């Protein structure tokens, strides 16, 4: 379709679509309706309201609410809950003070944790969250997580090479990484991508002793206690562009809690200061006081495992980690009530944790299903989505505006091809106004 035919083509398609949707048109054959997703994949029936109810009345839920109050209207749950989990996990994952005898033997890994979950030798409560959301969704407004961890000298930065991360985690092994743009960690041509292998190894061991290049041979890169938490953001088209199955299979992406937010509602910063900062800091302090250990019951979250197996859930390495590692951490965070006692993991707490496990798996499943196809196809889809995001943000725009304000290193022919594809898919509408072609997103 040529550019000058875009308007006429739009009219023809609209007419054809109306004819197909007309009540007078009768189908030539009866189609069998597909089985509802909640039947074939019951975890996809878990809604944000269900998750909100699962965390209601808990310190974790309160932390999520406080993080939401930095904008008007409030930030959505897929942005605030992952941040709240990472903050609470960071507080729970700190090392304890060693007595003189222990200082001499220098224990490594989980044996140094102030609080641990007793499963297969023990695990900490650190959380890796990856928020997948378009630009302009307000995911960074307020930067409250940064301010909270900085107050306790637990900020581990926002990016870095493997060498740089090793250096900072020597001092802040259980610190918080807040990564505003996660794309370079996935881009195999970026120098930051090598850090993915280092972080994966550190997650698995809880300590590191690595041989990386350094200027002075007198400086060893090692840490006896390394349980960092991560809050990272990435745009959907960036994830689609750089994703490959090796990163998922190697365990790097599979270690993240993924959440998707497609809400394009304009969120405005709330006037004044961060009203909830003090309350959020108090909650963080309460989690810092938790010490001791908990031991999950045998076959914990067994009903969730049975559900995944019964309904043939894909990505077993993802739901396996969610059940085995993140599930107990969710339970602990839901059970922390601010007292000095060790959290009590009741049946209701495990039920609530199961809701979170199902919801996060459904989020990951949808995202990875969407990332299927060849690398060329994913990059093309990423480019289409990027152009569509720009058109949505502008409301209405012209070809000239796209060329000058959002060319994305494309020439005239490439931009025409992209816009024609979006038009053919019904993602944009084109109409004439004062002799100009005006483009508007249709969905």
Protein backbone atom coordinates (compact mmCIF):
# COMPACT_ATOMS: atom_id res chain seq x y z
CA UNK A 1 0.00 0.00 0.00
CA UNK A 2 1.44 3.37 -0.99
CA UNK A 3 1.45 6.33 1.38
CA UNK A 4 -1.09 8.32 -0.70
CA UNK A 5 -3.46 5.34 -0.55
CA UNK A 6 -3.42 5.06 3.24
CA UNK A 7 -6.64 6.97 3.82
CA UNK A 8 -8.61 5.12 1.14
CA UNK A 9 -7.26 1.80 2.38
CA UNK A 10 -8.36 2.62 5.91
CA UNK A 11 -11.90 3.37 4.69
CA UNK A 12 -12.05 0.10 2.74
CA UNK A 13 -10.86 -1.92 5.72
CA UNK A 14 -13.34 -0.24 8.06
CA UNK A 15 -16.19 -1.03 5.68
CA UNK A 16 -15.13 -4.65 5.36
CA UNK A 17 -14.81 -5.00 9.10
CA UNK A 18 -18.31 -3.55 9.67
CA UNK A 19 -19.74 -5.93 7.10
CA UNK A 20 -18.17 -8.90 8.87
CA UNK A 21 -19.46 -7.71 12.24
CA UNK A 22 -23.00 -7.00 10.94
CA UNK A 23 -25.74 -9.12 12.61
CA UNK A 24 -27.23 -9.85 9.18
CA UNK A 25 -24.13 -11.70 8.06
CA UNK A 26 -24.34 -15.38 8.90
CA UNK A 27 -21.22 -17.57 9.32
CA UNK A 28 -20.77 -20.42 6.88
CA UNK A 29 -19.89 -22.79 9.70
CA UNK A 30 -20.21 -22.95 13.43
CA UNK A 31 -16.94 -22.35 15.25
CA UNK A 32 -16.16 -24.24 18.40
CA UNK A 33 -15.36 -21.71 21.12
CA UNK A 34 -11.91 -22.06 22.61
CA UNK A 35 -11.66 -23.24 26.19
CA UNK A 36 -11.40 -20.30 28.63
CA UNK A 37 -7.89 -19.51 29.87
CA UNK A 38 -9.00 -19.97 33.49
CA UNK A 39 -9.86 -23.59 32.67
CA UNK A 40 -6.76 -24.52 30.67
CA UNK A 41 -4.46 -22.27 32.71
CA UNK A 42 -6.15 -21.53 36.04
CA UNK A 43 -3.24 -19.41 37.26
CA UNK A 44 -4.18 -16.86 34.60
CA UNK A 45 -7.48 -16.34 36.36
CA UNK A 46 -5.63 -14.71 39.29
CA UNK A 47 -6.30 -10.97 39.03
CA UNK A 48 -4.65 -7.90 40.47
CA UNK A 49 -7.60 -7.66 42.87
CA UNK A 50 -6.80 -11.18 44.09
CA UNK A 51 -3.19 -10.17 44.69
CA UNK A 52 -4.27 -6.97 46.45
CA UNK A 53 -6.44 -9.05 48.78
CA UNK A 54 -3.57 -11.49 49.40
CA UNK A 55 -1.24 -8.74 50.61
CA UNK A 56 -3.93 -6.69 52.38
CA UNK A 57 -3.33 -6.06 56.06
CA UNK A 58 0.37 -6.93 55.87
CA UNK A 59 3.47 -4.75 56.11
CA UNK A 60 4.34 -5.88 52.59
CA UNK A 61 0.97 -4.65 51.35
CA UNK A 62 1.40 -1.35 53.19
CA UNK A 63 4.83 -0.86 51.61
CA UNK A 64 3.33 -1.45 48.17
CA UNK A 65 0.58 1.09 48.88
CA UNK A 66 3.09 3.72 50.01
CA UNK A 67 5.16 3.27 46.86
CA UNK A 68 1.98 3.78 44.81
CA UNK A 69 1.20 7.17 46.35
CA UNK A 70 3.93 9.11 44.53
CA UNK A 71 1.64 9.77 41.52
CA UNK A 72 -1.89 10.81 40.68
CA UNK A 73 -3.58 8.47 39.98
CA UNK A 74 -1.62 5.93 42.00
CA UNK A 75 1.01 3.67 40.45
CA UNK A 76 -0.42 0.27 39.47
CA UNK A 77 0.31 -2.94 41.38
CA UNK A 78 2.60 -4.49 38.71
CA UNK A 79 5.01 -1.62 39.40
CA UNK A 80 4.71 -1.22 43.16
CA UNK A 81 4.54 -4.84 44.38
CA UNK A 82 7.84 -5.94 42.75
CA UNK A 83 9.54 -2.91 44.30
CA UNK A 84 8.03 -3.62 47.72
CA UNK A 85 9.14 -7.26 47.56
CA UNK A 86 12.70 -6.29 46.63
CA UNK A 87 12.87 -3.72 49.44
CA UNK A 88 11.57 -6.13 52.07
CA UNK A 89 13.82 -8.86 50.70
CA UNK A 90 16.84 -6.60 50.90
CA UNK A 91 16.11 -5.84 54.55
CA UNK A 92 15.69 -9.55 55.38
CA UNK A 93 18.90 -10.58 53.58
CA UNK A 94 21.46 -8.77 55.70
CA UNK A 95 24.37 -10.47 57.44
CA UNK A 96 24.46 -10.87 61.21
CA UNK A 97 27.20 -9.72 63.54
CA UNK A 98 29.78 -12.44 64.13
CA UNK A 99 30.96 -13.34 67.61
CA UNK A 100 34.74 -13.57 68.26
CA UNK A 101 34.85 -17.33 67.69
CA UNK A 102 32.99 -17.09 64.38
CA UNK A 103 35.17 -14.20 63.25
CA UNK A 104 38.17 -16.48 63.49
CA UNK A 105 36.58 -19.23 61.38
CA UNK A 106 35.02 -16.74 58.91
CA UNK A 107 31.89 -18.62 57.77
CA UNK A 108 30.76 -17.99 54.21
CA UNK A 109 27.35 -17.80 52.56
CA UNK A 110 24.02 -18.51 54.20
CA UNK A 111 25.57 -19.33 57.58
CA UNK A 112 26.25 -15.60 57.99
CA UNK A 113 22.64 -14.54 57.30
CA UNK A 114 20.73 -12.76 60.03
CA UNK A 115 17.60 -14.56 58.86
CA UNK A 116 17.29 -17.66 56.69
CA UNK A 117 14.75 -20.11 55.34
CA UNK A 118 15.76 -23.69 56.13
CA UNK A 119 15.40 -25.52 52.83
CA UNK A 120 18.22 -27.68 51.41
CA UNK A 121 20.93 -25.99 53.44
CA UNK A 122 19.15 -22.66 53.69
CA UNK A 123 18.27 -19.71 51.50
CA UNK A 124 18.16 -15.96 51.97
CA UNK A 125 15.24 -13.69 51.10
CA UNK A 126 16.75 -11.46 48.40
CA UNK A 127 14.50 -10.62 45.46
CA UNK A 128 15.23 -9.84 41.82
CA UNK A 129 12.38 -7.88 40.21
CA UNK A 130 12.11 -6.94 36.53
CA UNK A 131 9.29 -4.53 35.67
CA UNK A 132 8.31 -4.61 32.00
CA UNK A 133 6.50 -1.39 31.14
CA UNK A 134 6.42 1.19 28.33
CA UNK A 135 8.12 4.52 28.69
CA UNK A 136 5.96 7.07 30.45
CA UNK A 137 4.24 4.70 32.90
CA UNK A 138 5.80 6.46 35.89
CA UNK A 139 7.79 3.49 37.13
CA UNK A 140 10.69 5.69 38.32
CA UNK A 141 8.76 8.64 39.75
CA UNK A 142 9.85 9.45 43.29
CA UNK A 143 12.80 7.02 43.40
CA UNK A 144 11.70 5.97 46.88
CA UNK A 145 13.53 2.61 46.87
CA UNK A 146 16.84 4.39 46.22
CA UNK A 147 16.24 6.81 49.06
CA UNK A 148 15.28 4.03 51.48
CA UNK A 149 18.34 1.86 50.86
CA UNK A 150 20.71 4.84 50.75
CA UNK A 151 19.66 5.76 54.25
CA UNK A 152 21.14 2.43 55.37
CA UNK A 153 24.21 2.48 53.07
CA UNK A 154 22.74 -0.44 51.12
CA UNK A 155 22.70 1.13 47.67
CA UNK A 156 24.80 -0.93 45.25
CA UNK A 157 24.39 1.43 42.30
CA UNK A 158 22.40 1.37 39.08
CA UNK A 159 24.65 -0.42 36.59
CA UNK A 160 28.15 -1.70 36.11
CA UNK A 161 30.51 -4.22 34.60
CA UNK A 162 31.22 -7.56 36.24
CA UNK A 163 34.39 -6.05 37.72
CA UNK A 164 32.55 -2.99 39.00
CA UNK A 165 29.76 -5.02 40.57
CA UNK A 166 32.28 -7.32 42.20
CA UNK A 167 33.99 -4.31 43.75
CA UNK A 168 30.80 -2.79 45.18
CA UNK A 169 29.42 -6.14 46.38
CA UNK A 170 32.63 -6.76 48.32
CA UNK A 171 31.42 -3.97 50.60
CA UNK A 172 27.64 -4.28 50.17
CA UNK A 173 27.02 -7.92 49.39
CA UNK A 174 23.36 -7.67 50.37
CA UNK A 175 22.81 -4.27 48.82
CA UNK A 176 20.21 -3.13 46.31
CA UNK A 177 20.80 -2.61 42.59
CA UNK A 178 18.26 -0.26 40.99
CA UNK A 179 18.64 -0.56 37.22
CA UNK A 180 16.67 2.03 35.25
CA UNK A 181 17.38 0.45 31.85
CA UNK A 182 17.96 -3.29 31.89
CA UNK A 183 18.50 -3.65 28.14
CA UNK A 184 22.35 -3.49 28.22
CA UNK A 185 22.44 -6.48 30.59
CA UNK A 186 20.67 -8.53 27.90
CA UNK A 187 22.40 -7.07 24.85
CA UNK A 188 25.23 -9.49 24.09
CA UNK A 189 27.16 -6.70 22.34
CA UNK A 190 27.14 -4.50 25.47
CA UNK A 191 29.98 -4.53 27.99
CA UNK A 192 27.40 -4.76 30.77
CA UNK A 193 26.10 -8.11 29.52
CA UNK A 194 29.07 -9.90 31.06
CA UNK A 195 27.78 -8.89 34.47
CA UNK A 196 24.83 -11.26 33.97
CA UNK A 197 27.06 -14.29 34.37
CA UNK A 198 28.64 -12.88 37.51
CA UNK A 199 25.28 -12.04 39.09
CA UNK A 200 23.88 -15.49 38.28
CA UNK A 201 26.82 -17.17 39.99
CA UNK A 202 26.55 -14.90 43.02
CA UNK A 203 22.84 -15.75 43.34
CA UNK A 204 23.51 -19.47 43.31
CA UNK A 205 26.29 -19.46 45.90
CA UNK A 206 25.65 -16.56 48.25
CA UNK A 207 29.32 -15.67 48.01
CA UNK A 208 31.86 -15.13 45.25
CA UNK A 209 35.56 -15.51 44.62
CA UNK A 210 36.19 -14.51 41.04
CA UNK A 211 39.22 -14.01 38.82
CA UNK A 212 38.48 -10.83 36.92
CA UNK A 213 40.90 -8.35 35.40
CA UNK A 214 42.23 -5.80 37.89
CA UNK A 215 44.97 -3.23 38.05
CA UNK A 216 46.52 -4.40 41.30
CA UNK A 217 47.20 -8.04 42.05
CA UNK A 218 47.01 -7.21 45.75
CA UNK A 219 43.22 -6.69 45.54
CA UNK A 220 41.16 -9.88 45.58
CA UNK A 221 37.61 -9.82 44.29
CA UNK A 222 35.73 -11.94 46.76
CA UNK A 223 32.90 -11.67 49.26
CA UNK A 224 31.92 -14.12 51.97
CA UNK A 225 28.31 -12.92 51.89
CA UNK A 226 26.57 -11.91 48.65
CA UNK A 227 22.77 -11.80 48.43
CA UNK A 228 21.97 -8.65 46.40
CA UNK A 229 18.42 -7.58 45.58
CA UNK A 230 17.52 -5.94 42.26
CA UNK A 231 14.82 -3.58 41.01
CA UNK A 232 15.13 -3.31 37.22
CA UNK A 233 13.01 -1.75 34.49
CA UNK A 234 12.79 -2.55 30.80
CA UNK A 235 10.49 -1.49 27.99
CA UNK A 236 8.56 -4.28 26.23
CA UNK A 237 10.09 -3.63 22.82
CA UNK A 238 13.59 -3.60 24.35
CA UNK A 239 13.00 -6.96 25.99
CA UNK A 240 11.69 -8.31 22.69
CA UNK A 241 14.71 -6.97 20.84
CA UNK A 242 17.42 -8.43 23.08
CA UNK A 243 15.79 -11.54 24.51
CA UNK A 244 17.14 -14.94 23.55
CA UNK A 245 16.38 -18.37 24.95
CA UNK A 246 19.96 -18.85 26.14
CA UNK A 247 19.47 -16.10 28.73
CA UNK A 248 16.33 -17.83 29.95
CA UNK A 249 17.87 -21.30 29.92
CA UNK A 250 21.06 -20.16 31.62
CA UNK A 251 19.00 -19.02 34.58
CA UNK A 252 19.64 -15.29 34.47
CA UNK A 253 16.18 -14.17 33.33
CA UNK A 254 14.51 -17.09 35.12
CA UNK A 255 15.73 -15.69 38.45
CA UNK A 256 13.68 -12.52 38.07
CA UNK A 257 10.12 -11.88 39.14
CA UNK A 258 8.63 -10.45 35.97
CA UNK A 259 5.64 -8.16 35.97
CA UNK A 260 4.04 -6.41 33.03
CA UNK A 261 2.30 -3.05 33.06
CA UNK A 262 0.69 -1.92 29.83
CA UNK A 263 -1.25 0.92 31.44
CA UNK A 264 -0.78 4.05 29.34
CA UNK A 265 -2.72 6.34 31.69
CA UNK A 266 -0.86 9.59 32.18
CA UNK A 267 0.51 9.51 35.71
CA UNK A 268 1.50 12.84 37.25
CA UNK A 269 3.94 13.32 40.13
CA UNK A 270 2.05 14.05 43.32
CA UNK A 271 2.62 17.67 44.44
CA UNK A 272 4.80 18.20 47.48
CA UNK A 273 7.31 15.86 49.05
CA UNK A 274 7.22 12.08 49.38
CA UNK A 275 4.51 11.86 52.02
CA UNK A 276 4.95 8.14 52.56
CA UNK A 277 8.74 8.12 52.86
CA UNK A 278 8.86 8.08 56.65
CA UNK A 279 6.28 5.30 56.92
CA UNK A 280 8.06 3.25 54.24
CA UNK A 281 11.35 3.71 56.05
CA UNK A 282 9.76 2.47 59.27
CA UNK A 283 8.51 -0.67 57.54
CA UNK A 284 11.99 -1.28 56.11
CA UNK A 285 13.41 -0.90 59.61
CA UNK A 286 10.97 -3.49 60.95
CA UNK A 287 12.11 -6.02 58.37
CA UNK A 288 15.73 -5.27 59.29
CA UNK A 289 15.03 -6.44 62.86
CA UNK A 290 13.82 -9.91 61.84
CA UNK A 291 16.32 -12.61 62.77
CA UNK A 292 16.43 -16.36 63.24
CA UNK A 293 15.06 -18.92 60.81
CA UNK A 294 11.88 -20.61 59.64
CA UNK A 295 11.38 -24.10 58.32
CA UNK A 296 8.66 -24.59 55.71
CA UNK A 297 6.46 -27.66 56.06
CA UNK A 298 7.00 -30.70 53.90
CA UNK A 299 5.57 -30.29 50.39
CA UNK A 300 4.94 -26.58 50.90
CA UNK A 301 2.85 -25.04 48.10
CA UNK A 302 2.14 -28.56 46.87
CA UNK A 303 -1.27 -27.51 45.60
CA UNK A 304 0.37 -24.92 43.34
CA UNK A 305 2.83 -27.50 41.98
CA UNK A 306 -0.02 -29.94 41.33
CA UNK A 307 -1.94 -27.24 39.47
CA UNK A 308 1.02 -26.42 37.23
CA UNK A 309 1.68 -30.09 36.49
CA UNK A 310 -1.97 -31.03 35.96
CA UNK A 311 -2.53 -28.27 33.41
CA UNK A 312 0.79 -28.71 31.58
CA UNK A 313 2.40 -25.40 32.49
CA UNK A 314 5.30 -24.44 30.28
CA UNK A 315 8.62 -23.11 31.57
CA UNK A 316 9.11 -25.54 34.48
CA UNK A 317 12.40 -23.85 35.39
CA UNK A 318 10.41 -20.66 36.03
CA UNK A 319 7.53 -22.07 38.07
CA UNK A 320 9.98 -24.37 39.86
CA UNK A 321 11.99 -21.40 41.09
CA UNK A 322 8.83 -19.48 41.95
CA UNK A 323 7.55 -22.35 44.08
CA UNK A 324 10.80 -23.54 45.64
CA UNK A 325 12.57 -20.22 46.26
CA UNK A 326 10.28 -17.24 45.88
CA UNK A 327 7.25 -18.95 47.44
CA UNK A 328 8.83 -19.27 50.91
CA UNK A 329 10.15 -15.71 50.66
CA UNK A 330 6.66 -14.43 49.86
CA UNK A 331 5.34 -16.34 52.86
CA UNK A 332 7.94 -14.83 55.19
CA UNK A 333 7.27 -11.29 53.99
CA UNK A 334 3.53 -11.73 54.34
CA UNK A 335 4.01 -13.04 57.89
CA UNK A 336 6.30 -10.30 59.21
CA UNK A 337 4.15 -8.21 61.55
CA UNK A 338 6.65 -5.80 63.06
CA UNK A 339 7.32 -7.71 66.25
CA UNK A 340 10.62 -9.23 67.31
CA UNK A 341 9.32 -12.78 66.98
CA UNK A 342 10.24 -15.11 64.14
CA UNK A 343 7.46 -14.97 61.50
CA UNK A 344 4.82 -17.70 61.88
CA UNK A 345 3.90 -19.32 58.56
CA UNK A 346 0.26 -20.27 58.96
CA UNK A 347 -1.92 -22.07 56.41
CA UNK A 348 -3.46 -18.72 55.49
CA UNK A 349 -0.02 -17.25 54.88
CA UNK A 350 0.84 -20.11 52.52
CA UNK A 351 -2.48 -19.65 50.72
CA UNK A 352 -1.67 -15.98 50.17
CA UNK A 353 1.85 -16.83 49.02
CA UNK A 354 0.32 -19.26 46.50
CA UNK A 355 -1.74 -16.42 45.02
CA UNK A 356 1.46 -14.42 44.42
CA UNK A 357 3.27 -17.40 42.91
CA UNK A 358 0.42 -18.01 40.45
CA UNK A 359 0.17 -14.36 39.49
CA UNK A 360 3.89 -13.90 38.87
CA UNK A 361 4.04 -17.09 36.84
CA UNK A 362 1.13 -15.94 34.69
CA UNK A 363 2.96 -12.66 34.11
CA UNK A 364 6.16 -14.44 33.06
CA UNK A 365 4.32 -16.98 30.92
CA UNK A 366 2.50 -14.29 28.93
CA UNK A 367 5.71 -12.36 28.38
CA UNK A 368 7.80 -15.32 27.25
CA UNK A 369 5.02 -16.66 25.04
CA UNK A 370 5.01 -13.27 23.35
CA UNK A 371 8.78 -13.47 22.82
CA UNK A 372 8.59 -16.57 20.62
CA UNK A 373 9.78 -16.43 17.01
CA UNK A 374 13.05 -15.70 15.28
CA UNK A 375 15.37 -12.92 16.36
CA UNK A 376 14.51 -10.99 13.18
CA UNK A 377 10.79 -11.25 13.94
CA UNK A 378 11.27 -10.10 17.52
CA UNK A 379 13.35 -7.12 16.45
CA UNK A 380 10.76 -6.17 13.86
CA UNK A 381 7.96 -6.43 16.43
CA UNK A 382 10.02 -4.32 18.81
CA UNK A 383 10.41 -1.62 16.17
CA UNK A 384 6.68 -1.63 15.44
CA UNK A 385 5.83 -1.38 19.14
CA UNK A 386 8.33 1.44 19.62
CA UNK A 387 6.73 3.52 16.85
CA UNK A 388 3.27 2.77 18.23
CA UNK A 389 4.32 3.91 21.71
CA UNK A 390 5.45 7.24 20.27
CA UNK A 391 2.16 7.73 18.41
CA UNK A 392 0.19 6.92 21.59
CA UNK A 393 2.15 9.47 23.62
CA UNK A 394 1.66 12.19 21.00
CA UNK A 395 -2.07 11.53 20.73
CA UNK A 396 -2.05 12.63 17.11
CA UNK A 397 0.97 13.23 14.91
CA UNK A 398 2.08 13.69 11.33
CA UNK A 399 4.67 11.91 9.20
CA UNK A 400 6.90 14.98 9.58
CA UNK A 401 6.76 14.76 13.38
CA UNK A 402 7.68 11.10 13.29
CA UNK A 403 10.58 11.84 10.95
CA UNK A 404 11.94 14.72 13.07
CA UNK A 405 11.09 13.63 16.62
CA UNK A 406 11.19 9.84 16.49
CA UNK A 407 13.06 8.61 13.47
CA UNK A 408 14.92 5.88 15.40
CA UNK A 409 17.62 5.82 12.72
CA UNK A 410 15.16 4.94 9.95
CA UNK A 411 14.91 6.37 6.49
CA UNK A 412 11.72 7.47 4.73
CA UNK A 413 11.09 4.09 3.11
CA UNK A 414 11.52 2.19 6.38
CA UNK A 415 9.17 4.52 8.23
CA UNK A 416 6.56 4.10 5.50
CA UNK A 417 6.87 0.31 5.72
CA UNK A 418 6.45 0.37 9.49
CA UNK A 419 3.41 2.66 9.37
CA UNK A 420 1.81 0.61 6.60
CA UNK A 421 2.25 -2.52 8.72
CA UNK A 422 0.66 -0.84 11.74
CA UNK A 423 -2.18 0.35 9.54
CA UNK A 424 -2.73 -3.12 8.09
CA UNK A 425 -2.94 -4.54 11.60
CA UNK A 426 -5.47 -1.94 12.65
CA UNK A 427 -3.13 -0.51 15.28
CA UNK A 428 -3.27 3.03 13.88
CA UNK A 429 -5.82 5.15 12.01
CA UNK A 430 -5.02 7.75 9.35
CA UNK A 431 -7.27 10.67 8.40
CA UNK A 432 -6.93 13.97 6.59
CA UNK A 433 -6.97 17.34 8.29
CA UNK A 434 -6.12 20.68 6.64
CA UNK A 435 -4.50 18.81 3.79
CA UNK A 436 -2.24 16.78 6.09
CA UNK A 437 -2.26 13.09 6.95
CA UNK A 438 -2.89 12.75 10.69
CA UNK A 439 -2.01 9.53 12.49
CA UNK A 440 -3.66 8.30 15.68
CA UNK A 441 -3.27 5.06 17.63
CA UNK A 442 -6.43 2.97 17.50
CA UNK A 443 -5.62 0.75 20.48
